[in-house]
Protein backbone atom coordinates (compact mmCIF):
# COMPACT_ATOMS: atom_id res chain seq x y z
CA UNK A 1 0.00 0.00 0.00
CA UNK A 2 1.21 3.49 -0.81
CA UNK A 3 2.33 5.46 2.26
CA UNK A 4 0.04 8.32 1.15
CA UNK A 5 -3.00 6.12 1.66
CA UNK A 6 -4.59 6.12 5.09
CA UNK A 7 -6.43 2.83 4.65
CA UNK A 8 -9.78 3.77 6.14
CA UNK A 9 -12.04 6.80 5.68
CA UNK A 10 -11.80 9.53 8.27
CA UNK A 11 -14.78 10.41 10.41
CA UNK A 12 -15.52 14.10 10.64
CA UNK A 13 -17.29 15.01 13.86
CA UNK A 14 -17.45 18.76 14.11
CA UNK A 15 -21.03 19.22 15.37
CA UNK A 16 -23.25 21.40 13.14
CA UNK A 17 -20.62 23.65 11.60
CA UNK A 18 -20.14 21.80 8.34
CA UNK A 19 -16.68 21.31 6.84
CA UNK A 20 -13.62 23.55 7.12
CA UNK A 21 -10.52 22.98 5.00
CA UNK A 22 -7.48 24.98 6.11
CA UNK A 23 -4.40 25.36 3.94
CA UNK A 24 -4.12 21.75 2.72
CA UNK A 25 -1.24 20.94 0.41
CA UNK A 26 -0.28 17.70 -1.30
CA UNK A 27 2.72 16.74 -3.41
CA UNK A 28 3.61 13.54 -5.24
CA UNK A 29 7.32 12.87 -5.89
CA UNK A 30 8.16 16.47 -4.92
CA UNK A 31 5.64 17.76 -7.49
CA UNK A 32 3.01 20.04 -5.89
CA UNK A 33 -0.52 19.06 -6.86
CA UNK A 34 -2.54 21.09 -4.34
CA UNK A 35 -1.11 24.22 -2.69
CA UNK A 36 -2.59 25.72 0.48
CA UNK A 37 -6.26 25.25 -0.43
CA UNK A 38 -8.78 26.63 2.08
CA UNK A 39 -12.58 26.76 2.04
CA UNK A 40 -15.68 26.19 4.18
CA UNK A 41 -18.83 24.23 3.39
CA UNK A 42 -21.79 24.93 5.65
CA UNK A 43 -23.99 22.09 6.87
CA UNK A 44 -26.66 21.30 4.29
CA UNK A 45 -24.86 23.18 1.52
CA UNK A 46 -24.28 21.53 -1.88
CA UNK A 47 -21.09 22.54 -3.67
CA UNK A 48 -19.19 21.65 -6.81
CA UNK A 49 -15.46 21.59 -7.41
CA UNK A 50 -14.57 22.72 -10.92
CA UNK A 51 -11.25 22.94 -12.72
CA UNK A 52 -9.27 21.63 -15.67
CA UNK A 53 -7.81 18.13 -15.86
CA UNK A 54 -4.89 17.70 -13.50
CA UNK A 55 -5.77 20.66 -11.28
CA UNK A 56 -6.09 18.64 -8.06
CA UNK A 57 -9.86 18.16 -7.73
CA UNK A 58 -9.64 14.42 -7.06
CA UNK A 59 -6.73 14.91 -4.67
CA UNK A 60 -8.76 17.45 -2.68
CA UNK A 61 -11.76 15.10 -2.60
CA UNK A 62 -9.67 12.09 -1.53
CA UNK A 63 -8.08 14.20 1.20
CA UNK A 64 -11.48 15.31 2.51
CA UNK A 65 -12.85 11.76 2.69
CA UNK A 66 -9.64 10.46 4.25
CA UNK A 67 -8.24 8.27 1.48
CA UNK A 68 -4.97 10.21 1.36
CA UNK A 69 -3.12 12.36 3.87
CA UNK A 70 -2.30 15.98 3.04
CA UNK A 71 1.33 17.04 3.46
CA UNK A 72 0.17 20.12 5.35
CA UNK A 73 -3.08 21.65 6.53
CA UNK A 74 -6.14 20.60 8.50
CA UNK A 75 -9.67 19.37 7.92
CA UNK A 76 -12.34 20.12 10.53
PDB file of N, CA and C in Angstrom:
ATOM      1  N   UNK A   1       0.845  -1.183   0.000  1.00  0.00           N
ATOM      2  CA  UNK A   1       0.000   0.000   0.000  1.00  0.00           C
ATOM      3  C   UNK A   1       0.886   1.239   0.000  1.00  0.00           C
ATOM      4  N   UNK A   2       0.503   2.223  -0.738  1.00  0.00           N
ATOM      5  CA  UNK A   2       1.214   3.493  -0.807  1.00  0.00           C
ATOM      6  C   UNK A   2       1.171   4.189   0.545  1.00  0.00           C
ATOM      7  N   UNK A   3       2.283   4.786   0.957  1.00  0.00           N
ATOM      8  CA  UNK A   3       2.325   5.460   2.260  1.00  0.00           C
ATOM      9  C   UNK A   3       1.414   6.679   2.321  1.00  0.00           C
ATOM     10  N   UNK A   4       0.971   7.194   1.166  1.00  0.00           N
ATOM     11  CA  UNK A   4       0.044   8.321   1.147  1.00  0.00           C
ATOM     12  C   UNK A   4      -1.376   7.896   1.509  1.00  0.00           C
ATOM     13  N   UNK A   5      -1.654   6.616   1.399  1.00  0.00           N
ATOM     14  CA  UNK A   5      -2.996   6.122   1.662  1.00  0.00           C
ATOM     15  C   UNK A   5      -3.180   5.882   3.154  1.00  0.00           C
ATOM     16  N   UNK A   6      -4.299   6.287   3.670  1.00  0.00           N
ATOM     17  CA  UNK A   6      -4.589   6.120   5.086  1.00  0.00           C
ATOM     18  C   UNK A   6      -5.127   4.720   5.362  1.00  0.00           C
ATOM     19  N   UNK A   7      -5.926   4.175   4.478  1.00  0.00           N
ATOM     20  CA  UNK A   7      -6.430   2.832   4.651  1.00  0.00           C
ATOM     21  C   UNK A   7      -7.875   2.746   5.083  1.00  0.00           C
ATOM     22  N   UNK A   8      -8.365   3.752   5.773  1.00  0.00           N
ATOM     23  CA  UNK A   8      -9.779   3.774   6.135  1.00  0.00           C
ATOM     24  C   UNK A   8     -10.258   5.219   6.111  1.00  0.00           C
ATOM     25  N   UNK A   9     -11.520   5.428   5.746  1.00  0.00           N
ATOM     26  CA  UNK A   9     -12.037   6.797   5.676  1.00  0.00           C
ATOM     27  C   UNK A   9     -12.005   7.476   7.036  1.00  0.00           C
ATOM     28  N   UNK A  10     -11.774   8.770   7.019  1.00  0.00           N
ATOM     29  CA  UNK A  10     -11.800   9.526   8.266  1.00  0.00           C
ATOM     30  C   UNK A  10     -13.244   9.824   8.648  1.00  0.00           C
ATOM     31  N   UNK A  11     -13.461  10.041   9.908  1.00  0.00           N
ATOM     32  CA  UNK A  11     -14.783  10.411  10.405  1.00  0.00           C
ATOM     33  C   UNK A  11     -14.707  11.851  10.865  1.00  0.00           C
ATOM     34  N   UNK A  12     -15.525  12.687  10.286  1.00  0.00           N
ATOM     35  CA  UNK A  12     -15.523  14.099  10.636  1.00  0.00           C
ATOM     36  C   UNK A  12     -16.650  14.330  11.633  1.00  0.00           C
ATOM     37  N   UNK A  13     -16.291  14.738  12.825  1.00  0.00           N
ATOM     38  CA  UNK A  13     -17.288  15.005  13.864  1.00  0.00           C
ATOM     39  C   UNK A  13     -17.081  16.410  14.394  1.00  0.00           C
ATOM     40  N   UNK A  14     -17.643  17.365  13.716  1.00  0.00           N
ATOM     41  CA  UNK A  14     -17.453  18.763  14.111  1.00  0.00           C
ATOM     42  C   UNK A  14     -18.783  19.445  14.404  1.00  0.00           C
ATOM     43  N   UNK A  15     -19.687  18.759  15.020  1.00  0.00           N
ATOM     44  CA  UNK A  15     -21.034  19.218  15.366  1.00  0.00           C
ATOM     45  C   UNK A  15     -21.778  19.744  14.145  1.00  0.00           C
ATOM     46  N   UNK A  16     -22.402  20.900  14.223  1.00  0.00           N
ATOM     47  CA  UNK A  16     -23.254  21.397  13.142  1.00  0.00           C
ATOM     48  C   UNK A  16     -22.582  22.432  12.253  1.00  0.00           C
ATOM     49  N   UNK A  17     -21.294  22.592  12.339  1.00  0.00           N
ATOM     50  CA  UNK A  17     -20.619  23.653  11.597  1.00  0.00           C
ATOM     51  C   UNK A  17     -20.454  23.363  10.117  1.00  0.00           C
ATOM     52  N   UNK A  18     -20.411  22.129   9.717  1.00  0.00           N
ATOM     53  CA  UNK A  18     -20.135  21.799   8.339  1.00  0.00           C
ATOM     54  C   UNK A  18     -18.702  21.336   8.198  1.00  0.00           C
ATOM     55  N   UNK A  19     -18.035  21.762   7.144  1.00  0.00           N
ATOM     56  CA  UNK A  19     -16.681  21.309   6.842  1.00  0.00           C
ATOM     57  C   UNK A  19     -15.769  22.509   6.652  1.00  0.00           C
ATOM     58  N   UNK A  20     -14.607  22.477   7.276  1.00  0.00           N
ATOM     59  CA  UNK A  20     -13.623  23.547   7.120  1.00  0.00           C
ATOM     60  C   UNK A  20     -12.303  22.937   6.672  1.00  0.00           C
ATOM     61  N   UNK A  21     -11.804  23.409   5.547  1.00  0.00           N
ATOM     62  CA  UNK A  21     -10.519  22.985   4.997  1.00  0.00           C
ATOM     63  C   UNK A  21      -9.563  24.150   5.182  1.00  0.00           C
ATOM     64  N   UNK A  22      -8.437  23.910   5.839  1.00  0.00           N
ATOM     65  CA  UNK A  22      -7.478  24.984   6.114  1.00  0.00           C
ATOM     66  C   UNK A  22      -6.111  24.652   5.536  1.00  0.00           C
ATOM     67  N   UNK A  23      -5.750  25.357   4.503  1.00  0.00           N
ATOM     68  CA  UNK A  23      -4.400  25.355   3.936  1.00  0.00           C
ATOM     69  C   UNK A  23      -3.842  23.958   3.668  1.00  0.00           C
ATOM     70  N   UNK A  24      -4.648  23.076   3.035  1.00  0.00           N
ATOM     71  CA  UNK A  24      -4.124  21.752   2.721  1.00  0.00           C
ATOM     72  C   UNK A  24      -3.243  21.819   1.482  1.00  0.00           C
ATOM     73  N   UNK A  25      -2.175  21.069   1.521  1.00  0.00           N
ATOM     74  CA  UNK A  25      -1.243  20.940   0.408  1.00  0.00           C
ATOM     75  C   UNK A  25      -0.913  19.468   0.231  1.00  0.00           C
ATOM     76  N   UNK A  26      -0.666  19.074  -1.015  1.00  0.00           N
ATOM     77  CA  UNK A  26      -0.281  17.696  -1.303  1.00  0.00           C
ATOM     78  C   UNK A  26       0.678  17.692  -2.479  1.00  0.00           C
ATOM     79  N   UNK A  27       1.738  16.917  -2.346  1.00  0.00           N
ATOM     80  CA  UNK A  27       2.724  16.738  -3.411  1.00  0.00           C
ATOM     81  C   UNK A  27       2.914  15.252  -3.647  1.00  0.00           C
ATOM     82  N   UNK A  28       3.229  14.894  -4.879  1.00  0.00           N
ATOM     83  CA  UNK A  28       3.610  13.536  -5.241  1.00  0.00           C
ATOM     84  C   UNK A  28       4.984  13.609  -5.889  1.00  0.00           C
ATOM     85  N   UNK A  29       5.941  12.866  -5.363  1.00  0.00           N
ATOM     86  CA  UNK A  29       7.316  12.869  -5.888  1.00  0.00           C
ATOM     87  C   UNK A  29       7.870  14.283  -6.015  1.00  0.00           C
ATOM     88  N   UNK A  30       7.696  15.073  -4.977  1.00  0.00           N
ATOM     89  CA  UNK A  30       8.159  16.469  -4.921  1.00  0.00           C
ATOM     90  C   UNK A  30       7.494  17.374  -5.949  1.00  0.00           C
ATOM     91  N   UNK A  31       6.390  16.929  -6.541  1.00  0.00           N
ATOM     92  CA  UNK A  31       5.638  17.755  -7.490  1.00  0.00           C
ATOM     93  C   UNK A  31       4.355  18.224  -6.805  1.00  0.00           C
ATOM     94  N   UNK A  32       4.224  19.532  -6.547  1.00  0.00           N
ATOM     95  CA  UNK A  32       3.008  20.037  -5.891  1.00  0.00           C
ATOM     96  C   UNK A  32       1.772  19.817  -6.762  1.00  0.00           C
ATOM     97  N   UNK A  33       0.738  19.275  -6.161  1.00  0.00           N
ATOM     98  CA  UNK A  33      -0.525  19.057  -6.862  1.00  0.00           C
ATOM     99  C   UNK A  33      -1.588  20.007  -6.326  1.00  0.00           C
ATOM    100  N   UNK A  34      -1.609  20.188  -5.008  1.00  0.00           N
ATOM    101  CA  UNK A  34      -2.538  21.094  -4.336  1.00  0.00           C
ATOM    102  C   UNK A  34      -1.707  21.970  -3.414  1.00  0.00           C
ATOM    103  N   UNK A  35      -1.899  23.282  -3.499  1.00  0.00           N
ATOM    104  CA  UNK A  35      -1.109  24.218  -2.692  1.00  0.00           C
ATOM    105  C   UNK A  35      -2.000  25.095  -1.826  1.00  0.00           C
ATOM    106  N   UNK A  36      -1.935  24.885  -0.523  1.00  0.00           N
ATOM    107  CA  UNK A  36      -2.592  25.719   0.480  1.00  0.00           C
ATOM    108  C   UNK A  36      -4.042  26.079   0.132  1.00  0.00           C
ATOM    109  N   UNK A  37      -4.846  25.064  -0.111  1.00  0.00           N
ATOM    110  CA  UNK A  37      -6.263  25.249  -0.431  1.00  0.00           C
ATOM    111  C   UNK A  37      -7.058  25.390   0.867  1.00  0.00           C
ATOM    112  N   UNK A  38      -7.912  26.397   0.920  1.00  0.00           N
ATOM    113  CA  UNK A  38      -8.777  26.627   2.082  1.00  0.00           C
ATOM    114  C   UNK A  38     -10.187  26.959   1.610  1.00  0.00           C
ATOM    115  N   UNK A  39     -11.187  26.397   2.286  1.00  0.00           N
ATOM    116  CA  UNK A  39     -12.576  26.765   2.040  1.00  0.00           C
ATOM    117  C   UNK A  39     -13.451  26.185   3.139  1.00  0.00           C
ATOM    118  N   UNK A  40     -14.679  26.675   3.219  1.00  0.00           N
ATOM    119  CA  UNK A  40     -15.677  26.193   4.178  1.00  0.00           C
ATOM    120  C   UNK A  40     -16.913  25.742   3.418  1.00  0.00           C
ATOM    121  N   UNK A  41     -17.542  24.683   3.912  1.00  0.00           N
ATOM    122  CA  UNK A  41     -18.827  24.234   3.393  1.00  0.00           C
ATOM    123  C   UNK A  41     -19.763  24.156   4.591  1.00  0.00           C
ATOM    124  N   UNK A  42     -20.827  24.926   4.555  1.00  0.00           N
ATOM    125  CA  UNK A  42     -21.791  24.930   5.652  1.00  0.00           C
ATOM    126  C   UNK A  42     -22.650  23.677   5.619  1.00  0.00           C
ATOM    127  N   UNK A  43     -23.129  23.263   6.772  1.00  0.00           N
ATOM    128  CA  UNK A  43     -23.985  22.090   6.868  1.00  0.00           C
ATOM    129  C   UNK A  43     -25.210  22.275   5.973  1.00  0.00           C
ATOM    130  N   UNK A  44     -25.518  21.260   5.176  1.00  0.00           N
ATOM    131  CA  UNK A  44     -26.662  21.297   4.287  1.00  0.00           C
ATOM    132  C   UNK A  44     -26.392  21.939   2.938  1.00  0.00           C
ATOM    133  N   UNK A  45     -25.224  22.498   2.753  1.00  0.00           N
ATOM    134  CA  UNK A  45     -24.862  23.176   1.518  1.00  0.00           C
ATOM    135  C   UNK A  45     -24.386  22.161   0.480  1.00  0.00           C
ATOM    136  N   UNK A  46     -24.771  22.351  -0.774  1.00  0.00           N
ATOM    137  CA  UNK A  46     -24.284  21.532  -1.879  1.00  0.00           C
ATOM    138  C   UNK A  46     -23.292  22.368  -2.676  1.00  0.00           C
ATOM    139  N   UNK A  47     -22.121  21.802  -2.946  1.00  0.00           N
ATOM    140  CA  UNK A  47     -21.088  22.538  -3.670  1.00  0.00           C
ATOM    141  C   UNK A  47     -20.524  21.678  -4.792  1.00  0.00           C
ATOM    142  N   UNK A  48     -19.894  22.326  -5.741  1.00  0.00           N
ATOM    143  CA  UNK A  48     -19.187  21.646  -6.813  1.00  0.00           C
ATOM    144  C   UNK A  48     -17.752  22.119  -6.845  1.00  0.00           C
ATOM    145  N   UNK A  49     -16.873  21.258  -7.288  1.00  0.00           N
ATOM    146  CA  UNK A  49     -15.460  21.594  -7.407  1.00  0.00           C
ATOM    147  C   UNK A  49     -15.100  21.503  -8.880  1.00  0.00           C
ATOM    148  N   UNK A  50     -14.823  22.647  -9.486  1.00  0.00           N
ATOM    149  CA  UNK A  50     -14.571  22.718 -10.918  1.00  0.00           C
ATOM    150  C   UNK A  50     -13.128  23.091 -11.196  1.00  0.00           C
ATOM    151  N   UNK A  51     -12.600  22.583 -12.303  1.00  0.00           N
ATOM    152  CA  UNK A  51     -11.253  22.937 -12.715  1.00  0.00           C
ATOM    153  C   UNK A  51     -10.821  22.047 -13.864  1.00  0.00           C
ATOM    154  N   UNK A  52      -9.753  22.427 -14.540  1.00  0.00           N
ATOM    155  CA  UNK A  52      -9.270  21.633 -15.670  1.00  0.00           C
ATOM    156  C   UNK A  52      -8.664  20.303 -15.208  1.00  0.00           C
ATOM    157  N   UNK A  53      -8.466  19.403 -16.163  1.00  0.00           N
ATOM    158  CA  UNK A  53      -7.812  18.129 -15.863  1.00  0.00           C
ATOM    159  C   UNK A  53      -6.470  18.379 -15.195  1.00  0.00           C
ATOM    160  N   UNK A  54      -6.178  17.598 -14.165  1.00  0.00           N
ATOM    161  CA  UNK A  54      -4.889  17.698 -13.496  1.00  0.00           C
ATOM    162  C   UNK A  54      -4.753  18.841 -12.518  1.00  0.00           C
ATOM    163  N   UNK A  55      -5.860  19.493 -12.166  1.00  0.00           N
ATOM    164  CA  UNK A  55      -5.767  20.661 -11.285  1.00  0.00           C
ATOM    165  C   UNK A  55      -5.856  20.320  -9.800  1.00  0.00           C
ATOM    166  N   UNK A  56      -6.073  19.040  -9.454  1.00  0.00           N
ATOM    167  CA  UNK A  56      -6.087  18.639  -8.057  1.00  0.00           C
ATOM    168  C   UNK A  56      -7.454  18.378  -7.453  1.00  0.00           C
ATOM    169  N   UNK A  57      -8.501  18.367  -8.262  1.00  0.00           N
ATOM    170  CA  UNK A  57      -9.858  18.156  -7.734  1.00  0.00           C
ATOM    171  C   UNK A  57      -9.988  16.812  -7.022  1.00  0.00           C
ATOM    172  N   UNK A  58      -9.544  15.753  -7.657  1.00  0.00           N
ATOM    173  CA  UNK A  58      -9.641  14.424  -7.057  1.00  0.00           C
ATOM    174  C   UNK A  58      -8.776  14.326  -5.817  1.00  0.00           C
ATOM    175  N   UNK A  59      -7.606  14.913  -5.844  1.00  0.00           N
ATOM    176  CA  UNK A  59      -6.730  14.910  -4.671  1.00  0.00           C
ATOM    177  C   UNK A  59      -7.402  15.616  -3.500  1.00  0.00           C
ATOM    178  N   UNK A  60      -8.039  16.740  -3.748  1.00  0.00           N
ATOM    179  CA  UNK A  60      -8.759  17.448  -2.685  1.00  0.00           C
ATOM    180  C   UNK A  60      -9.882  16.567  -2.146  1.00  0.00           C
ATOM    181  N   UNK A  61     -10.656  15.964  -3.028  1.00  0.00           N
ATOM    182  CA  UNK A  61     -11.757  15.095  -2.600  1.00  0.00           C
ATOM    183  C   UNK A  61     -11.246  13.916  -1.776  1.00  0.00           C
ATOM    184  N   UNK A  62     -10.221  13.234  -2.259  1.00  0.00           N
ATOM    185  CA  UNK A  62      -9.666  12.088  -1.527  1.00  0.00           C
ATOM    186  C   UNK A  62      -9.107  12.498  -0.171  1.00  0.00           C
ATOM    187  N   UNK A  63      -8.581  13.697  -0.081  1.00  0.00           N
ATOM    188  CA  UNK A  63      -8.079  14.196   1.199  1.00  0.00           C
ATOM    189  C   UNK A  63      -9.243  14.439   2.160  1.00  0.00           C
ATOM    190  N   UNK A  64     -10.315  15.035   1.668  1.00  0.00           N
ATOM    191  CA  UNK A  64     -11.479  15.312   2.514  1.00  0.00           C
ATOM    192  C   UNK A  64     -12.079  14.021   3.064  1.00  0.00           C
ATOM    193  N   UNK A  65     -12.209  12.999   2.226  1.00  0.00           N
ATOM    194  CA  UNK A  65     -12.849  11.763   2.691  1.00  0.00           C
ATOM    195  C   UNK A  65     -11.873  10.830   3.393  1.00  0.00           C
ATOM    196  N   UNK A  66     -10.608  11.211   3.466  1.00  0.00           N
ATOM    197  CA  UNK A  66      -9.644  10.457   4.250  1.00  0.00           C
ATOM    198  C   UNK A  66      -8.918   9.341   3.535  1.00  0.00           C
ATOM    199  N   UNK A  67      -8.960   9.307   2.206  1.00  0.00           N
ATOM    200  CA  UNK A  67      -8.239   8.268   1.481  1.00  0.00           C
ATOM    201  C   UNK A  67      -6.755   8.568   1.334  1.00  0.00           C
ATOM    202  N   UNK A  68      -6.391   9.839   1.362  1.00  0.00           N
ATOM    203  CA  UNK A  68      -4.975  10.212   1.357  1.00  0.00           C
ATOM    204  C   UNK A  68      -4.732  11.269   2.425  1.00  0.00           C
ATOM    205  N   UNK A  69      -3.496  11.374   2.861  1.00  0.00           N
ATOM    206  CA  UNK A  69      -3.115  12.361   3.869  1.00  0.00           C
ATOM    207  C   UNK A  69      -2.540  13.590   3.175  1.00  0.00           C
ATOM    208  N   UNK A  70      -2.951  14.784   3.578  1.00  0.00           N
ATOM    209  CA  UNK A  70      -2.304  15.984   3.040  1.00  0.00           C
ATOM    210  C   UNK A  70      -0.906  16.113   3.640  1.00  0.00           C
ATOM    211  N   UNK A  71       0.006  16.763   2.911  1.00  0.00           N
ATOM    212  CA  UNK A  71       1.333  17.038   3.462  1.00  0.00           C
ATOM    213  C   UNK A  71       1.253  18.095   4.551  1.00  0.00           C
ATOM    214  N   UNK A  72       0.374  19.072   4.355  1.00  0.00           N
ATOM    215  CA  UNK A  72       0.166  20.123   5.349  1.00  0.00           C
ATOM    216  C   UNK A  72      -1.313  20.473   5.380  1.00  0.00           C
ATOM    217  N   UNK A  73      -1.719  21.154   6.422  1.00  0.00           N
ATOM    218  CA  UNK A  73      -3.084  21.646   6.529  1.00  0.00           C
ATOM    219  C   UNK A  73      -3.953  20.797   7.434  1.00  0.00           C
ATOM    220  N   UNK A  74      -5.192  21.243   7.591  1.00  0.00           N
ATOM    221  CA  UNK A  74      -6.136  20.601   8.505  1.00  0.00           C
ATOM    222  C   UNK A  74      -7.521  20.528   7.890  1.00  0.00           C
ATOM    223  N   UNK A  75      -8.273  19.527   8.329  1.00  0.00           N
ATOM    224  CA  UNK A  75      -9.667  19.368   7.924  1.00  0.00           C
ATOM    225  C   UNK A  75     -10.490  19.240   9.195  1.00  0.00           C
ATOM    226  N   UNK A  76     -11.484  20.124   9.344  1.00  0.00           N
ATOM    227  CA  UNK A  76     -12.341  20.119  10.532  1.00  0.00           C
ATOM    228  C   UNK A  76     -13.780  19.904  10.126  1.00  0.00           C
TER     229      UNK A  76
END
